[in-house]
């Protein structure tokens, strides 16, 4: 990961980038919920688009969870 950060700093991109590391551990199975809502990896794109004040592309799936995260419910 440090190489990635160094590269972004060298390219002067570090201040304008969000780095997300994630994995899918089968959260859809069982009772694993985020703030009372089921959350999937494809929800990350629309959520981060909203955080960056960008429009969600029409051709992607997923829901924006920023509202739930911000409210804490």
N, C-alpha and C. Protein backbone atom coordinates (compact mmCIF):
# COMPACT_ATOMS: atom_id res chain seq x y z
N UNK A 1 0.81 -1.18 0.00
CA UNK A 1 0.00 0.00 0.00
C UNK A 1 0.86 1.26 0.00
N UNK A 2 1.99 1.22 0.66
CA UNK A 2 2.84 2.41 0.73
C UNK A 2 3.31 2.83 -0.66
N UNK A 3 3.56 1.85 -1.53
CA UNK A 3 3.97 2.17 -2.90
C UNK A 3 2.86 2.93 -3.64
N UNK A 4 1.64 2.55 -3.39
CA UNK A 4 0.50 3.22 -4.00
C UNK A 4 0.41 4.67 -3.52
N UNK A 5 0.55 4.89 -2.24
CA UNK A 5 0.50 6.24 -1.68
C UNK A 5 1.65 7.08 -2.22
N UNK A 6 2.85 6.53 -2.25
CA UNK A 6 4.01 7.26 -2.78
C UNK A 6 3.79 7.63 -4.23
N UNK A 7 3.25 6.71 -5.02
CA UNK A 7 2.99 6.99 -6.44
C UNK A 7 1.98 8.12 -6.60
N UNK A 8 0.91 8.10 -5.82
CA UNK A 8 -0.09 9.16 -5.91
C UNK A 8 0.49 10.51 -5.49
N UNK A 9 1.34 10.50 -4.47
CA UNK A 9 1.98 11.76 -4.06
C UNK A 9 2.92 12.27 -5.14
N UNK A 10 3.70 11.37 -5.73
CA UNK A 10 4.63 11.74 -6.80
C UNK A 10 3.89 12.33 -8.00
N UNK A 11 2.75 11.76 -8.33
CA UNK A 11 1.95 12.24 -9.46
C UNK A 11 1.05 13.43 -9.10
N UNK A 12 1.17 13.89 -7.85
CA UNK A 12 0.38 15.01 -7.34
C UNK A 12 -1.13 14.73 -7.42
N UNK A 13 -1.50 13.50 -7.16
CA UNK A 13 -2.90 13.08 -7.15
C UNK A 13 -3.41 12.77 -5.74
N UNK A 14 -2.51 12.72 -4.78
CA UNK A 14 -2.85 12.24 -3.45
C UNK A 14 -3.94 13.07 -2.76
N UNK A 15 -3.94 14.38 -2.96
CA UNK A 15 -4.92 15.22 -2.28
C UNK A 15 -6.30 15.16 -2.91
N UNK A 16 -6.42 14.50 -4.05
CA UNK A 16 -7.70 14.44 -4.77
C UNK A 16 -8.14 13.01 -5.04
N UNK A 17 -7.82 12.11 -4.15
CA UNK A 17 -8.13 10.70 -4.40
C UNK A 17 -8.64 10.04 -3.12
N UNK A 18 -9.49 9.07 -3.30
CA UNK A 18 -9.97 8.25 -2.20
C UNK A 18 -9.50 6.83 -2.47
N UNK A 19 -8.81 6.24 -1.53
CA UNK A 19 -8.32 4.87 -1.66
C UNK A 19 -9.22 3.98 -0.80
N UNK A 20 -9.81 2.98 -1.43
CA UNK A 20 -10.71 2.07 -0.72
C UNK A 20 -10.21 0.65 -0.90
N UNK A 21 -9.97 -0.03 0.19
CA UNK A 21 -9.64 -1.45 0.17
C UNK A 21 -10.82 -2.18 0.78
N UNK A 22 -11.30 -3.17 0.09
CA UNK A 22 -12.47 -3.88 0.57
C UNK A 22 -12.40 -5.34 0.15
N UNK A 23 -13.26 -6.13 0.72
CA UNK A 23 -13.39 -7.53 0.32
C UNK A 23 -14.83 -7.95 0.54
N UNK A 24 -15.20 -9.02 -0.07
CA UNK A 24 -16.54 -9.56 0.10
C UNK A 24 -16.43 -10.81 0.95
N UNK A 25 -16.95 -10.73 2.16
CA UNK A 25 -16.89 -11.86 3.08
C UNK A 25 -18.24 -12.52 3.26
N UNK A 26 -19.09 -12.41 2.26
CA UNK A 26 -20.38 -13.05 2.33
C UNK A 26 -21.34 -12.38 3.30
N UNK A 27 -21.34 -11.06 3.35
CA UNK A 27 -22.20 -10.35 4.31
C UNK A 27 -23.68 -10.53 4.03
N UNK A 28 -24.04 -10.98 2.84
CA UNK A 28 -25.45 -11.18 2.54
C UNK A 28 -26.01 -12.40 3.26
N UNK A 29 -25.12 -13.20 3.82
CA UNK A 29 -25.54 -14.41 4.53
C UNK A 29 -25.58 -14.10 6.03
N UNK A 30 -26.66 -14.43 6.67
CA UNK A 30 -26.74 -14.22 8.11
C UNK A 30 -27.31 -12.87 8.47
N UNK A 31 -26.84 -12.33 9.58
CA UNK A 31 -27.44 -11.10 10.12
C UNK A 31 -26.49 -9.91 10.09
N UNK A 32 -25.58 -9.86 9.13
CA UNK A 32 -24.62 -8.76 9.04
C UNK A 32 -25.25 -7.59 8.30
N UNK A 33 -25.47 -6.51 9.01
CA UNK A 33 -26.13 -5.34 8.44
C UNK A 33 -25.32 -4.11 8.79
N UNK A 34 -25.37 -3.09 7.95
CA UNK A 34 -24.73 -1.80 8.23
C UNK A 34 -25.84 -0.81 8.54
N UNK A 35 -25.85 -0.31 9.75
CA UNK A 35 -26.84 0.68 10.17
C UNK A 35 -28.27 0.22 9.89
N UNK A 36 -28.51 -1.06 10.08
CA UNK A 36 -29.85 -1.59 9.91
C UNK A 36 -30.25 -1.85 8.47
N UNK A 37 -29.34 -1.66 7.54
CA UNK A 37 -29.64 -1.87 6.12
C UNK A 37 -28.63 -2.85 5.55
N UNK A 38 -29.10 -3.69 4.62
CA UNK A 38 -28.19 -4.60 3.93
C UNK A 38 -27.29 -3.78 3.02
N UNK A 39 -25.99 -4.03 3.05
CA UNK A 39 -25.02 -3.25 2.28
C UNK A 39 -24.18 -4.19 1.44
N UNK A 40 -24.04 -3.89 0.16
CA UNK A 40 -23.27 -4.72 -0.76
C UNK A 40 -22.15 -3.91 -1.39
N UNK A 41 -21.17 -4.59 -1.94
CA UNK A 41 -20.04 -3.89 -2.56
C UNK A 41 -20.48 -2.94 -3.67
N UNK A 42 -21.51 -3.30 -4.42
CA UNK A 42 -21.91 -2.42 -5.51
C UNK A 42 -22.58 -1.14 -5.01
N UNK A 43 -22.83 -1.04 -3.70
CA UNK A 43 -23.35 0.20 -3.12
C UNK A 43 -22.23 1.22 -2.87
N UNK A 44 -20.99 0.80 -2.96
CA UNK A 44 -19.87 1.70 -2.69
C UNK A 44 -19.78 2.81 -3.73
N UNK A 45 -19.93 2.48 -5.00
CA UNK A 45 -19.78 3.47 -6.07
C UNK A 45 -20.78 4.62 -5.94
N UNK A 46 -22.08 4.36 -5.83
CA UNK A 46 -23.00 5.49 -5.68
C UNK A 46 -22.81 6.26 -4.37
N UNK A 47 -22.38 5.58 -3.32
CA UNK A 47 -22.14 6.26 -2.05
C UNK A 47 -20.97 7.22 -2.16
N UNK A 48 -19.86 6.76 -2.74
CA UNK A 48 -18.70 7.63 -2.90
C UNK A 48 -18.95 8.71 -3.93
N UNK A 49 -19.74 8.43 -4.94
CA UNK A 49 -20.10 9.47 -5.92
C UNK A 49 -20.80 10.62 -5.20
N UNK A 50 -21.71 10.29 -4.29
CA UNK A 50 -22.41 11.33 -3.53
C UNK A 50 -21.44 12.08 -2.62
N UNK A 51 -20.56 11.36 -1.95
CA UNK A 51 -19.58 12.01 -1.08
C UNK A 51 -18.71 13.00 -1.85
N UNK A 52 -18.43 12.68 -3.11
CA UNK A 52 -17.60 13.54 -3.97
C UNK A 52 -18.43 14.54 -4.75
N UNK A 53 -19.71 14.60 -4.46
CA UNK A 53 -20.65 15.51 -5.13
C UNK A 53 -20.68 15.27 -6.64
N UNK A 54 -20.68 14.00 -7.02
CA UNK A 54 -20.79 13.60 -8.42
C UNK A 54 -22.13 12.90 -8.63
N UNK A 55 -22.60 12.92 -9.84
CA UNK A 55 -23.83 12.19 -10.17
C UNK A 55 -23.52 10.71 -10.33
N UNK A 56 -24.44 9.88 -9.87
CA UNK A 56 -24.30 8.44 -10.06
C UNK A 56 -24.54 8.14 -11.53
N UNK A 57 -23.60 7.44 -12.18
CA UNK A 57 -23.84 7.06 -13.57
C UNK A 57 -25.11 6.22 -13.69
N UNK A 58 -25.86 6.41 -14.74
CA UNK A 58 -27.13 5.70 -14.92
C UNK A 58 -26.95 4.20 -15.15
N UNK A 59 -25.78 3.80 -15.63
CA UNK A 59 -25.59 2.41 -16.02
C UNK A 59 -24.96 1.55 -14.92
N UNK A 60 -25.00 2.00 -13.66
CA UNK A 60 -24.47 1.17 -12.58
C UNK A 60 -25.58 0.84 -11.58
N UNK A 61 -25.40 -0.28 -10.91
CA UNK A 61 -26.33 -0.69 -9.87
C UNK A 61 -25.87 -0.14 -8.53
N UNK A 62 -26.66 -0.35 -7.53
CA UNK A 62 -26.28 0.04 -6.18
C UNK A 62 -27.07 1.23 -5.69
N UNK A 63 -27.09 1.35 -4.38
CA UNK A 63 -27.81 2.43 -3.72
C UNK A 63 -26.83 3.32 -2.96
N UNK A 64 -27.17 4.57 -2.85
CA UNK A 64 -26.38 5.53 -2.10
C UNK A 64 -26.70 5.37 -0.61
N UNK A 65 -25.72 4.99 0.19
CA UNK A 65 -25.93 4.79 1.61
C UNK A 65 -25.43 5.97 2.45
N UNK A 66 -25.02 7.05 1.81
CA UNK A 66 -24.50 8.20 2.56
C UNK A 66 -25.54 8.76 3.54
N UNK A 67 -26.78 8.82 3.12
CA UNK A 67 -27.84 9.34 3.99
C UNK A 67 -27.91 8.55 5.30
N UNK A 68 -27.82 7.22 5.21
CA UNK A 68 -27.91 6.38 6.40
C UNK A 68 -26.67 6.52 7.27
N UNK A 69 -25.51 6.63 6.62
CA UNK A 69 -24.25 6.79 7.37
C UNK A 69 -24.25 8.14 8.08
N UNK A 70 -24.66 9.19 7.39
CA UNK A 70 -24.68 10.53 7.96
C UNK A 70 -25.63 10.62 9.15
N UNK A 71 -26.79 10.00 9.01
CA UNK A 71 -27.78 10.02 10.09
C UNK A 71 -27.38 9.12 11.24
N UNK A 72 -26.57 8.10 10.96
CA UNK A 72 -26.19 7.16 12.00
C UNK A 72 -27.29 6.20 12.37
N UNK A 73 -28.23 5.99 11.42
CA UNK A 73 -29.35 5.07 11.68
C UNK A 73 -29.40 4.01 10.61
